[in-house]
Amino acid sequence: MGRKIVVALGGNAILSKDASAEAQQKALQETASYLVQFIENGDELIITHGNGPQVGNLLLQMAAADSEKNPAFPLDSAVAMTEGSIGYWLQNAMGNALRAKGIKKTIASVVTQVVVDKNDVAFENPTKPIGPFLSEEDAKKEMAATGAKFKEDAGRGWRKVVPSPIPVAISEIDVIKNLVDNGYIVVSAGGGGVPVIDEEGQLKGVEAVIDKDFASQTLALDVDADIFLVLTGVDNAYINFNKENQEKLEHVTVADMKKYIEEGQFAPGSMLPKVEAAIKFVENAKDGKAIITSLENIQQVIASDGGTVITK
């Protein structure tokens, strides 16, 4: 059996400027043409994906049609809806790519509930902006009516903010493991998974957004992955990024990356969470390594450990 690889795709890799279903499916067809190379190499794949742009658009659509007879759904349901739609697109694209190569392999999507701690400090200080921009007046009316929190966003208006708690456990992990062990390609933990809390043995959805890189890292540990592959827009992580002394990172250790974090080398909300998730995986995996690279660099990952490779 080949290597077991968890691949984390970004939501922005699925949706660029055109938000139509057709455009996103076309983007995923190209994505599948790269990912199928792992299957040709004999590897096992578990695919995760972001959904930030997709959830944002869905919330806008629901807000535009919101009425007493047709009320908008809460955030946890919106996450589940985009998990389903993107999962379907990935199943279709990967299935067609496999058939074109003459490979008989099935891909399955699992709408995934990810448990978070209801006492996570993130719930006390929501920071993740979602949904439409409102005027200050409308935002204050909404806060008074619903109890939701809104913050001014860089002069563009006011946006609802929700917590971004740390993932604790993946509810459907036994199903995911069973599928992987039986040779299926699995799509799971999309958009960080549907955030749920445990209340006296009952799982309950909450208004929150889980960082998809941390959810993917949790999944990678749970399935005992050999490689945690974080795909982004560049072939490598860099220090002194976009400066004259920019330096490409190739083979680095956890200690190296922690030092670079202390130096402020990685942008928050961009490369930093990817690096932090990669470090957490490597620190807790038996022999696993993490790789940060681009979709277009996958052949180099297969051939010679291309990208930024992080090991203990």
C-alpha atoms as a PDB file:
ATOM      1  CA  MET A   1       0.000   0.000   0.000  1.00  0.00           C
ATOM      2  CA  GLY A   2       1.199   3.529  -0.834  1.00  0.00           C
ATOM      3  CA  ARG A   3       1.361   6.519   1.432  1.00  0.00           C
ATOM      4  CA  LYS A   4      -1.716   7.817   3.228  1.00  0.00           C
ATOM      5  CA  ILE A   5      -2.047  11.517   2.374  1.00  0.00           C
ATOM      6  CA  VAL A   6      -4.452  14.149   3.689  1.00  0.00           C
ATOM      7  CA  VAL A   7      -4.704  16.970   1.134  1.00  0.00           C
ATOM      8  CA  ALA A   8      -6.113  20.319   2.281  1.00  0.00           C
ATOM      9  CA  LEU A   9      -7.507  22.404  -0.583  1.00  0.00           C
ATOM     10  CA  GLY A  10      -8.276  26.099  -0.120  1.00  0.00           C
ATOM     11  CA  GLY A  11     -11.788  27.421  -0.788  1.00  0.00           C
ATOM     12  CA  ASN A  12     -10.286  30.158  -2.957  1.00  0.00           C
ATOM     13  CA  ALA A  13      -8.759  27.462  -5.186  1.00  0.00           C
ATOM     14  CA  ILE A  14     -12.311  26.364  -5.998  1.00  0.00           C
ATOM     15  CA  LEU A  15     -13.864  29.800  -6.446  1.00  0.00           C
ATOM     16  CA  SER A  16     -12.029  32.766  -7.973  1.00  0.00           C
ATOM     17  CA  LYS A  17     -14.032  35.555  -9.621  1.00  0.00           C
ATOM     18  CA  ASP A  18     -16.906  33.549 -11.093  1.00  0.00           C
ATOM     19  CA  ALA A  19     -19.184  32.241  -8.335  1.00  0.00           C
ATOM     20  CA  SER A  20     -21.327  30.091 -10.627  1.00  0.00           C
ATOM     21  CA  ALA A  21     -21.561  26.357 -10.018  1.00  0.00           C
ATOM     22  CA  GLU A  22     -20.271  25.774 -13.553  1.00  0.00           C
ATOM     23  CA  ALA A  23     -17.090  27.794 -12.956  1.00  0.00           C
ATOM     24  CA  GLN A  24     -16.372  26.074  -9.638  1.00  0.00           C
ATOM     25  CA  GLN A  25     -16.902  22.643 -11.176  1.00  0.00           C
ATOM     26  CA  LYS A  26     -14.508  23.575 -13.996  1.00  0.00           C
ATOM     27  CA  ALA A  27     -11.877  24.648 -11.442  1.00  0.00           C
ATOM     28  CA  LEU A  28     -12.251  21.340  -9.624  1.00  0.00           C
ATOM     29  CA  GLN A  29     -11.837  19.411 -12.857  1.00  0.00           C
ATOM     30  CA  GLU A  30      -8.379  20.959 -13.140  1.00  0.00           C
ATOM     31  CA  THR A  31      -7.737  20.226  -9.446  1.00  0.00           C
ATOM     32  CA  ALA A  32      -8.702  16.586  -9.990  1.00  0.00           C
ATOM     33  CA  SER A  33      -6.280  16.287 -12.923  1.00  0.00           C
ATOM     34  CA  TYR A  34      -3.456  17.043 -10.456  1.00  0.00           C
ATOM     35  CA  LEU A  35      -4.732  14.982  -7.520  1.00  0.00           C
ATOM     36  CA  VAL A  36      -5.213  11.875  -9.645  1.00  0.00           C
ATOM     37  CA  GLN A  37      -1.411  11.705  -9.943  1.00  0.00           C
ATOM     38  CA  PHE A  38      -1.282  10.521  -6.325  1.00  0.00           C
ATOM     39  CA  ILE A  39      -3.649   7.662  -7.139  1.00  0.00           C
ATOM     40  CA  GLU A  40      -1.505   6.717 -10.144  1.00  0.00           C
ATOM     41  CA  ASN A  41       1.436   6.672  -7.731  1.00  0.00           C
ATOM     42  CA  GLY A  42      -0.379   4.153  -5.527  1.00  0.00           C
ATOM     43  CA  ASP A  43      -1.165   6.586  -2.688  1.00  0.00           C
ATOM     44  CA  GLU A  44      -4.354   6.786  -0.610  1.00  0.00           C
ATOM     45  CA  LEU A  45      -6.088  10.179  -0.520  1.00  0.00           C
ATOM     46  CA  ILE A  46      -8.284  11.939   2.021  1.00  0.00           C
ATOM     47  CA  ILE A  47      -9.304  15.355   0.664  1.00  0.00           C
ATOM     48  CA  THR A  48     -10.405  18.345   2.724  1.00  0.00           C
ATOM     49  CA  HIS A  49     -11.364  21.739   1.376  1.00  0.00           C
ATOM     50  CA  GLY A  50     -12.093  25.301   2.368  1.00  0.00           C
ATOM     51  CA  ASN A  51     -15.502  26.894   1.852  1.00  0.00           C
ATOM     52  CA  GLY A  52     -15.104  30.513   2.971  1.00  0.00           C
ATOM     53  CA  PRO A  53     -16.142  32.167  -0.303  1.00  0.00           C
ATOM     54  CA  GLN A  54     -18.921  29.627  -0.865  1.00  0.00           C
ATOM     55  CA  VAL A  55     -20.453  30.059   2.601  1.00  0.00           C
ATOM     56  CA  GLY A  56     -20.189  33.836   2.237  1.00  0.00           C
ATOM     57  CA  ASN A  57     -22.101  33.745  -1.051  1.00  0.00           C
ATOM     58  CA  LEU A  58     -24.707  31.356   0.356  1.00  0.00           C
ATOM     59  CA  LEU A  59     -25.298  33.652   3.337  1.00  0.00           C
ATOM     60  CA  LEU A  60     -25.784  36.590   0.946  1.00  0.00           C
ATOM     61  CA  GLN A  61     -28.295  34.585  -1.103  1.00  0.00           C
ATOM     62  CA  MET A  62     -30.248  33.578   1.992  1.00  0.00           C
ATOM     63  CA  ALA A  63     -30.194  37.123   3.384  1.00  0.00           C
ATOM     64  CA  ALA A  64     -31.617  38.444   0.107  1.00  0.00           C
ATOM     65  CA  ALA A  65     -34.518  35.962   0.249  1.00  0.00           C
ATOM     66  CA  ASP A  66     -35.036  35.941   4.029  1.00  0.00           C
ATOM     67  CA  SER A  67     -38.678  36.180   5.060  1.00  0.00           C
ATOM     68  CA  GLU A  68     -41.061  34.828   7.676  1.00  0.00           C
ATOM     69  CA  LYS A  69     -42.175  32.063   5.315  1.00  0.00           C
ATOM     70  CA  ASN A  70     -38.678  31.367   3.958  1.00  0.00           C
ATOM     71  CA  PRO A  71     -36.236  32.080   6.808  1.00  0.00           C
ATOM     72  CA  ALA A  72     -32.472  32.003   6.296  1.00  0.00           C
ATOM     73  CA  PHE A  73     -30.669  28.966   7.734  1.00  0.00           C
ATOM     74  CA  PRO A  74     -28.128  29.252  10.563  1.00  0.00           C
ATOM     75  CA  LEU A  75     -24.391  29.144   9.896  1.00  0.00           C
ATOM     76  CA  ASP A  76     -23.864  25.482  10.848  1.00  0.00           C
ATOM     77  CA  SER A  77     -26.458  24.451   8.252  1.00  0.00           C
ATOM     78  CA  ALA A  78     -24.824  26.711   5.641  1.00  0.00           C
ATOM     79  CA  VAL A  79     -21.476  24.983   6.299  1.00  0.00           C
ATOM     80  CA  ALA A  80     -23.149  21.584   5.856  1.00  0.00           C
ATOM     81  CA  MET A  81     -24.796  22.727   2.619  1.00  0.00           C
ATOM     82  CA  THR A  82     -21.477  23.821   1.119  1.00  0.00           C
ATOM     83  CA  GLU A  83     -19.801  20.636   2.346  1.00  0.00           C
ATOM     84  CA  GLY A  84     -22.411  18.754   0.342  1.00  0.00           C
ATOM     85  CA  SER A  85     -22.172  20.814  -2.841  1.00  0.00           C
ATOM     86  CA  ILE A  86     -18.366  20.985  -2.951  1.00  0.00           C
ATOM     87  CA  GLY A  87     -18.172  17.308  -2.002  1.00  0.00           C
ATOM     88  CA  TYR A  88     -20.434  16.464  -4.933  1.00  0.00           C
ATOM     89  CA  TRP A  89     -18.312  18.542  -7.307  1.00  0.00           C
ATOM     90  CA  LEU A  90     -15.142  16.819  -6.067  1.00  0.00           C
ATOM     91  CA  GLN A  91     -16.699  13.362  -6.335  1.00  0.00           C
ATOM     92  CA  ASN A  92     -17.758  14.096  -9.893  1.00  0.00           C
ATOM     93  CA  ALA A  93     -14.435  15.640 -10.955  1.00  0.00           C
ATOM     94  CA  MET A  94     -12.251  12.972  -9.325  1.00  0.00           C
ATOM     95  CA  GLY A  95     -14.494  10.178 -10.594  1.00  0.00           C
ATOM     96  CA  ASN A  96     -14.226  11.433 -14.165  1.00  0.00           C
ATOM     97  CA  ALA A  97     -10.446  11.924 -13.851  1.00  0.00           C
ATOM     98  CA  LEU A  98     -10.056   8.360 -12.568  1.00  0.00           C
ATOM     99  CA  ARG A  99     -12.210   6.905 -15.348  1.00  0.00           C
ATOM    100  CA  ALA A 100     -10.187   8.821 -17.956  1.00  0.00           C
ATOM    101  CA  LYS A 101      -7.067   7.099 -16.592  1.00  0.00           C
ATOM    102  CA  GLY A 102      -8.748   3.703 -16.506  1.00  0.00           C
ATOM    103  CA  ILE A 103      -8.507   3.553 -12.706  1.00  0.00           C
ATOM    104  CA  LYS A 104     -11.300   1.768 -10.857  1.00  0.00           C
ATOM    105  CA  LYS A 105     -11.629   3.572  -7.557  1.00  0.00           C
ATOM    106  CA  THR A 106     -14.584   5.142  -5.769  1.00  0.00           C
ATOM    107  CA  ILE A 107     -14.699   8.546  -4.102  1.00  0.00           C
ATOM    108  CA  ALA A 108     -17.147   9.317  -1.293  1.00  0.00           C
ATOM    109  CA  SER A 109     -18.007  12.517   0.586  1.00  0.00           C
ATOM    110  CA  VAL A 110     -18.796  12.608   4.303  1.00  0.00           C
ATOM    111  CA  VAL A 111     -20.622  15.608   5.738  1.00  0.00           C
ATOM    112  CA  THR A 112     -18.506  15.935   8.842  1.00  0.00           C
ATOM    113  CA  GLN A 113     -19.396  17.226  12.300  1.00  0.00           C
ATOM    114  CA  VAL A 114     -16.358  18.544  14.155  1.00  0.00           C
ATOM    115  CA  VAL A 115     -16.655  18.797  17.923  1.00  0.00           C
ATOM    116  CA  VAL A 116     -15.397  21.949  19.623  1.00  0.00           C
ATOM    117  CA  ASP A 117     -15.203  22.812  23.319  1.00  0.00           C
ATOM    118  CA  LYS A 118     -18.165  24.964  24.374  1.00  0.00           C
ATOM    119  CA  ASN A 119     -15.790  26.626  26.864  1.00  0.00           C
ATOM    120  CA  ASP A 120     -13.250  27.537  24.171  1.00  0.00           C
ATOM    121  CA  VAL A 121     -12.110  31.131  24.738  1.00  0.00           C
ATOM    122  CA  ALA A 122     -12.996  31.868  21.098  1.00  0.00           C
ATOM    123  CA  PHE A 123     -16.655  31.992  22.091  1.00  0.00           C
ATOM    124  CA  GLU A 124     -15.888  34.957  24.358  1.00  0.00           C
ATOM    125  CA  ASN A 125     -14.194  36.920  21.570  1.00  0.00           C
ATOM    126  CA  PRO A 126     -15.670  36.258  18.099  1.00  0.00           C
ATOM    127  CA  THR A 127     -13.240  37.390  15.393  1.00  0.00           C
ATOM    128  CA  LYS A 128     -14.215  35.637  12.137  1.00  0.00           C
ATOM    129  CA  PRO A 129     -16.189  37.966   9.791  1.00  0.00           C
ATOM    130  CA  ILE A 130     -18.977  36.360   7.763  1.00  0.00           C
ATOM    131  CA  GLY A 131     -21.923  37.427   5.639  1.00  0.00           C
ATOM    132  CA  PRO A 132     -22.837  40.791   4.095  1.00  0.00           C
ATOM    133  CA  PHE A 133     -21.577  44.274   4.956  1.00  0.00           C
ATOM    134  CA  LEU A 134     -24.122  46.426   6.781  1.00  0.00           C
ATOM    135  CA  SER A 135     -24.308  50.076   7.739  1.00  0.00           C
ATOM    136  CA  GLU A 136     -23.561  50.885  11.372  1.00  0.00           C
ATOM    137  CA  GLU A 137     -27.262  51.613  11.953  1.00  0.00           C
ATOM    138  CA  ASP A 138     -28.421  48.288  10.467  1.00  0.00           C
ATOM    139  CA  ALA A 139     -25.692  46.362  12.293  1.00  0.00           C
ATOM    140  CA  LYS A 140     -26.776  47.803  15.636  1.00  0.00           C
ATOM    141  CA  LYS A 141     -30.417  46.953  14.899  1.00  0.00           C
ATOM    142  CA  GLU A 142     -29.391  43.379  14.071  1.00  0.00           C
ATOM    143  CA  MET A 143     -27.308  43.107  17.248  1.00  0.00           C
ATOM    144  CA  ALA A 144     -30.239  44.326  19.345  1.00  0.00           C
ATOM    145  CA  ALA A 145     -32.682  41.945  17.635  1.00  0.00           C
ATOM    146  CA  THR A 146     -30.573  38.772  17.528  1.00  0.00           C
ATOM    147  CA  GLY A 147     -27.744  39.155  20.038  1.00  0.00           C
ATOM    148  CA  ALA A 148     -25.200  38.578  17.275  1.00  0.00           C
ATOM    149  CA  LYS A 149     -21.933  40.535  17.322  1.00  0.00           C
ATOM    150  CA  PHE A 150     -20.883  42.890  14.531  1.00  0.00           C
ATOM    151  CA  LYS A 151     -17.595  44.720  14.009  1.00  0.00           C
ATOM    152  CA  GLU A 152     -16.514  47.460  11.662  1.00  0.00           C
ATOM    153  CA  ASP A 153     -14.416  45.945   8.857  1.00  0.00           C
ATOM    154  CA  ALA A 154     -11.631  48.141   7.425  1.00  0.00           C
ATOM    155  CA  GLY A 155     -13.919  51.016   6.478  1.00  0.00           C
ATOM    156  CA  ARG A 156     -16.069  48.823   4.243  1.00  0.00           C
ATOM    157  CA  GLY A 157     -19.002  48.524   6.644  1.00  0.00           C
ATOM    158  CA  TRP A 158     -20.028  46.330   9.564  1.00  0.00           C
ATOM    159  CA  ARG A 159     -19.971  42.536   9.415  1.00  0.00           C
ATOM    160  CA  LYS A 160     -21.158  39.803  11.717  1.00  0.00           C
ATOM    161  CA  VAL A 161     -18.316  38.073  13.557  1.00  0.00           C
ATOM    162  CA  VAL A 162     -18.430  34.527  14.900  1.00  0.00           C
ATOM    163  CA  PRO A 163     -16.052  32.430  17.018  1.00  0.00           C
ATOM    164  CA  SER A 164     -13.311  30.288  15.473  1.00  0.00           C
ATOM    165  CA  PRO A 165     -12.774  27.547  18.095  1.00  0.00           C
ATOM    166  CA  ILE A 166     -10.103  24.837  17.980  1.00  0.00           C
ATOM    167  CA  PRO A 167     -11.301  21.407  16.779  1.00  0.00           C
ATOM    168  CA  VAL A 168     -11.373  18.750  19.488  1.00  0.00           C
ATOM    169  CA  ALA A 169     -12.690  15.626  17.730  1.00  0.00           C
ATOM    170  CA  ILE A 170     -14.220  14.475  14.456  1.00  0.00           C
ATOM    171  CA  SER A 171     -17.592  12.826  15.035  1.00  0.00           C
ATOM    172  CA  GLU A 172     -17.571  10.680  11.882  1.00  0.00           C
ATOM    173  CA  ILE A 173     -13.940   9.539  12.197  1.00  0.00           C
ATOM    174  CA  ASP A 174     -14.799   5.825  12.396  1.00  0.00           C
ATOM    175  CA  VAL A 175     -16.732   6.054   9.115  1.00  0.00           C
ATOM    176  CA  ILE A 176     -13.865   7.949   7.464  1.00  0.00           C
ATOM    177  CA  LYS A 177     -11.274   5.421   8.661  1.00  0.00           C
ATOM    178  CA  ASN A 178     -13.410   2.525   7.451  1.00  0.00           C
ATOM    179  CA  LEU A 179     -13.742   4.036   3.993  1.00  0.00           C
ATOM    180  CA  VAL A 180     -10.003   4.760   3.738  1.00  0.00           C
ATOM    181  CA  ASP A 181      -9.090   1.263   4.973  1.00  0.00           C
ATOM    182  CA  ASN A 182     -11.316  -0.196   2.255  1.00  0.00           C
ATOM    183  CA  GLY A 183      -9.622   1.744  -0.516  1.00  0.00           C
ATOM    184  CA  TYR A 184     -12.016   4.634  -1.034  1.00  0.00           C
ATOM    185  CA  ILE A 185     -10.941   8.203  -1.696  1.00  0.00           C
ATOM    186  CA  VAL A 186     -12.685  10.294   0.952  1.00  0.00           C
ATOM    187  CA  VAL A 187     -13.749  13.947   0.978  1.00  0.00           C
ATOM    188  CA  SER A 188     -14.369  15.082   4.552  1.00  0.00           C
ATOM    189  CA  ALA A 189     -14.108  17.949   7.075  1.00  0.00           C
ATOM    190  CA  GLY A 190     -15.002  20.436   4.350  1.00  0.00           C
ATOM    191  CA  GLY A 191     -14.739  24.035   5.453  1.00  0.00           C
ATOM    192  CA  GLY A 192     -13.351  22.873   8.786  1.00  0.00           C
ATOM    193  CA  GLY A 193     -16.445  20.717   9.306  1.00  0.00           C
ATOM    194  CA  VAL A 194     -19.799  21.600  10.837  1.00  0.00           C
ATOM    195  CA  PRO A 195     -19.011  22.989  14.328  1.00  0.00           C
ATOM    196  CA  VAL A 196     -20.874  21.159  17.092  1.00  0.00           C
ATOM    197  CA  ILE A 197     -20.653  21.094  20.879  1.00  0.00           C
ATOM    198  CA  ASP A 198     -21.341  18.155  23.189  1.00  0.00           C
ATOM    199  CA  GLU A 199     -24.166  18.899  25.594  1.00  0.00           C
ATOM    200  CA  GLU A 200     -24.742  15.925  27.906  1.00  0.00           C
ATOM    201  CA  GLY A 201     -24.018  13.438  25.142  1.00  0.00           C
ATOM    202  CA  GLN A 202     -25.992  15.294  22.463  1.00  0.00           C
ATOM    203  CA  LEU A 203     -24.240  17.092  19.600  1.00  0.00           C
ATOM    204  CA  LYS A 204     -25.581  20.571  18.876  1.00  0.00           C
ATOM    205  CA  GLY A 205     -24.598  22.853  16.007  1.00  0.00           C
ATOM    206  CA  VAL A 206     -23.214  26.275  16.892  1.00  0.00           C
ATOM    207  CA  GLU A 207     -22.628  29.580  15.091  1.00  0.00           C
ATOM    208  CA  ALA A 208     -18.885  29.299  14.534  1.00  0.00           C
ATOM    209  CA  VAL A 209     -16.262  28.708  11.862  1.00  0.00           C
ATOM    210  CA  ILE A 210     -13.490  26.161  12.356  1.00  0.00           C
ATOM    211  CA  ASP A 211     -10.197  26.870  10.599  1.00  0.00           C
ATOM    212  CA  LYS A 212      -9.997  24.278   7.829  1.00  0.00           C
ATOM    213  CA  ASP A 213      -6.233  23.817   8.221  1.00  0.00           C
ATOM    214  CA  PHE A 214      -6.586  22.888  11.901  1.00  0.00           C
ATOM    215  CA  ALA A 215      -9.540  20.592  11.170  1.00  0.00           C
ATOM    216  CA  SER A 216      -7.501  18.984   8.382  1.00  0.00           C
ATOM    217  CA  GLN A 217      -4.546  18.528  10.732  1.00  0.00           C
ATOM    218  CA  THR A 218      -6.838  16.880  13.316  1.00  0.00           C
ATOM    219  CA  LEU A 219      -8.136  14.551  10.612  1.00  0.00           C
ATOM    220  CA  ALA A 220      -4.597  13.746   9.436  1.00  0.00           C
ATOM    221  CA  LEU A 221      -3.613  12.680  12.955  1.00  0.00           C
ATOM    222  CA  ASP A 222      -6.794  10.650  13.440  1.00  0.00           C
ATOM    223  CA  VAL A 223      -6.274   8.620  10.243  1.00  0.00           C
ATOM    224  CA  ASP A 224      -2.535   8.228  10.976  1.00  0.00           C
ATOM    225  CA  ALA A 225      -1.531   9.946   7.728  1.00  0.00           C
ATOM    226  CA  ASP A 226       2.011   9.691   6.409  1.00  0.00           C
ATOM    227  CA  ILE A 227       1.795  13.149   4.836  1.00  0.00           C
ATOM    228  CA  PHE A 228      -0.273  16.223   5.653  1.00  0.00           C
ATOM    229  CA  LEU A 229      -0.265  18.238   2.415  1.00  0.00           C
ATOM    230  CA  VAL A 230      -1.430  21.850   2.630  1.00  0.00           C
ATOM    231  CA  LEU A 231      -2.064  23.371  -0.782  1.00  0.00           C
ATOM    232  CA  THR A 232      -1.772  27.117  -1.243  1.00  0.00           C
ATOM    233  CA  GLY A 233      -1.015  29.627  -3.996  1.00  0.00           C
ATOM    234  CA  VAL A 234       2.777  29.285  -3.932  1.00  0.00           C
ATOM    235  CA  ASP A 235       5.193  26.358  -4.430  1.00  0.00           C
ATOM    236  CA  ASN A 236       6.948  27.059  -1.113  1.00  0.00           C
ATOM    237  CA  ALA A 237       6.638  29.025   2.086  1.00  0.00           C
ATOM    238  CA  TYR A 238       9.127  31.895   2.299  1.00  0.00           C
ATOM    239  CA  ILE A 239      10.825  34.045   4.865  1.00  0.00           C
ATOM    240  CA  ASN A 240      11.246  37.748   4.113  1.00  0.00           C
ATOM    241  CA  PHE A 241       8.420  37.267   1.600  1.00  0.00           C
ATOM    242  CA  ASN A 242       8.347  39.794  -1.268  1.00  0.00           C
ATOM    243  CA  LYS A 243      11.543  41.458  -0.042  1.00  0.00           C
ATOM    244  CA  GLU A 244      14.968  41.639  -1.711  1.00  0.00           C
ATOM    245  CA  ASN A 245      16.296  38.990   0.689  1.00  0.00           C
ATOM    246  CA  GLN A 246      13.325  36.640   0.183  1.00  0.00           C
ATOM    247  CA  GLU A 247      14.305  33.025   0.921  1.00  0.00           C
ATOM    248  CA  LYS A 248      12.501  29.890  -0.184  1.00  0.00           C
ATOM    249  CA  LEU A 249      11.990  27.258   2.514  1.00  0.00           C
ATOM    250  CA  GLU A 250      12.539  23.687   1.321  1.00  0.00           C
ATOM    251  CA  HIS A 251      13.489  21.120   3.990  1.00  0.00           C
ATOM    252  CA  VAL A 252      12.949  22.578   7.465  1.00  0.00           C
ATOM    253  CA  THR A 253      12.343  21.344  11.001  1.00  0.00           C
ATOM    254  CA  VAL A 254       9.600  22.181  13.474  1.00  0.00           C
ATOM    255  CA  ALA A 255      12.176  24.195  15.456  1.00  0.00           C
ATOM    256  CA  ASP A 256      13.045  26.229  12.339  1.00  0.00           C
ATOM    257  CA  MET A 257       9.403  27.063  11.688  1.00  0.00           C
ATOM    258  CA  LYS A 258       8.711  28.004  15.302  1.00  0.00           C
ATOM    259  CA  LYS A 259      11.659  30.415  15.152  1.00  0.00           C
ATOM    260  CA  TYR A 260      10.275  31.978  11.970  1.00  0.00           C
ATOM    261  CA  ILE A 261       6.844  32.360  13.612  1.00  0.00           C
ATOM    262  CA  GLU A 262       8.464  34.211  16.519  1.00  0.00           C
ATOM    263  CA  GLU A 263      10.114  36.511  13.965  1.00  0.00           C
ATOM    264  CA  GLY A 264       6.686  37.271  12.452  1.00  0.00           C
ATOM    265  CA  GLN A 265       7.612  35.776   9.088  1.00  0.00           C
ATOM    266  CA  PHE A 266       4.162  34.405   8.225  1.00  0.00           C
ATOM    267  CA  ALA A 267       1.047  36.499   7.646  1.00  0.00           C
ATOM    268  CA  PRO A 268      -1.864  35.901  10.055  1.00  0.00           C
ATOM    269  CA  GLY A 269      -4.958  34.630   8.270  1.00  0.00           C
ATOM    270  CA  SER A 270      -2.822  33.503   5.329  1.00  0.00           C
ATOM    271  CA  MET A 271       0.356  31.429   5.667  1.00  0.00           C
ATOM    272  CA  LEU A 272       0.497  31.445   9.489  1.00  0.00           C
ATOM    273  CA  PRO A 273      -2.409  29.037  10.186  1.00  0.00           C
ATOM    274  CA  LYS A 274      -1.064  26.663   7.535  1.00  0.00           C
ATOM    275  CA  VAL A 275       2.352  26.628   9.191  1.00  0.00           C
ATOM    276  CA  GLU A 276       0.850  26.248  12.675  1.00  0.00           C
ATOM    277  CA  ALA A 277      -1.332  23.333  11.565  1.00  0.00           C
ATOM    278  CA  ALA A 278       1.637  21.690   9.834  1.00  0.00           C
ATOM    279  CA  ILE A 279       3.757  22.020  12.990  1.00  0.00           C
ATOM    280  CA  LYS A 280       1.024  20.523  15.182  1.00  0.00           C
ATOM    281  CA  PHE A 281       0.691  17.536  12.843  1.00  0.00           C
ATOM    282  CA  VAL A 282       4.432  16.817  12.721  1.00  0.00           C
ATOM    283  CA  GLU A 283       4.830  17.209  16.487  1.00  0.00           C
ATOM    284  CA  ASN A 284       2.063  14.686  17.198  1.00  0.00           C
ATOM    285  CA  ALA A 285       2.430  12.215  14.322  1.00  0.00           C
ATOM    286  CA  LYS A 286       4.503   9.071  14.708  1.00  0.00           C
ATOM    287  CA  ASP A 287       6.636   9.519  11.608  1.00  0.00           C
ATOM    288  CA  GLY A 288       4.563  11.888   9.514  1.00  0.00           C
ATOM    289  CA  LYS A 289       5.733  14.965   7.662  1.00  0.00           C
ATOM    290  CA  ALA A 290       3.904  18.051   6.474  1.00  0.00           C
ATOM    291  CA  ILE A 291       4.308  19.704   3.083  1.00  0.00           C
ATOM    292  CA  ILE A 292       3.185  23.193   2.077  1.00  0.00           C
ATOM    293  CA  THR A 293       3.077  23.760  -1.678  1.00  0.00           C
ATOM    294  CA  SER A 294       0.857  24.548  -4.669  1.00  0.00           C
ATOM    295  CA  LEU A 295      -1.450  22.317  -6.673  1.00  0.00           C
ATOM    296  CA  GLU A 296       0.751  22.841  -9.729  1.00  0.00           C
ATOM    297  CA  ASN A 297       3.792  21.491  -7.841  1.00  0.00           C
ATOM    298  CA  ILE A 298       2.261  18.102  -7.012  1.00  0.00           C
ATOM    299  CA  GLN A 299       4.429  16.204  -9.504  1.00  0.00           C
ATOM    300  CA  GLN A 300       7.513  17.506  -7.677  1.00  0.00           C
ATOM    301  CA  VAL A 301       5.999  16.404  -4.358  1.00  0.00           C
ATOM    302  CA  ILE A 302       5.617  12.896  -5.762  1.00  0.00           C
ATOM    303  CA  ALA A 303       9.008  12.794  -7.462  1.00  0.00           C
ATOM    304  CA  SER A 304      11.285  14.477  -4.955  1.00  0.00           C
ATOM    305  CA  ASP A 305       9.527  15.895  -1.879  1.00  0.00           C
ATOM    306  CA  GLY A 306       8.978  19.253  -3.540  1.00  0.00           C
ATOM    307  CA  GLY A 307       7.570  22.237  -1.676  1.00  0.00           C
ATOM    308  CA  THR A 308       8.287  23.196   1.928  1.00  0.00           C
ATOM    309  CA  VAL A 309       8.776  19.913   3.778  1.00  0.00           C
ATOM    310  CA  ILE A 310       8.501  20.079   7.568  1.00  0.00           C
ATOM    311  CA  THR A 311       9.820  17.237   9.724  1.00  0.00           C
ATOM    312  CA  LYS A 312      10.608  16.725  13.401  1.00  0.00           C
END
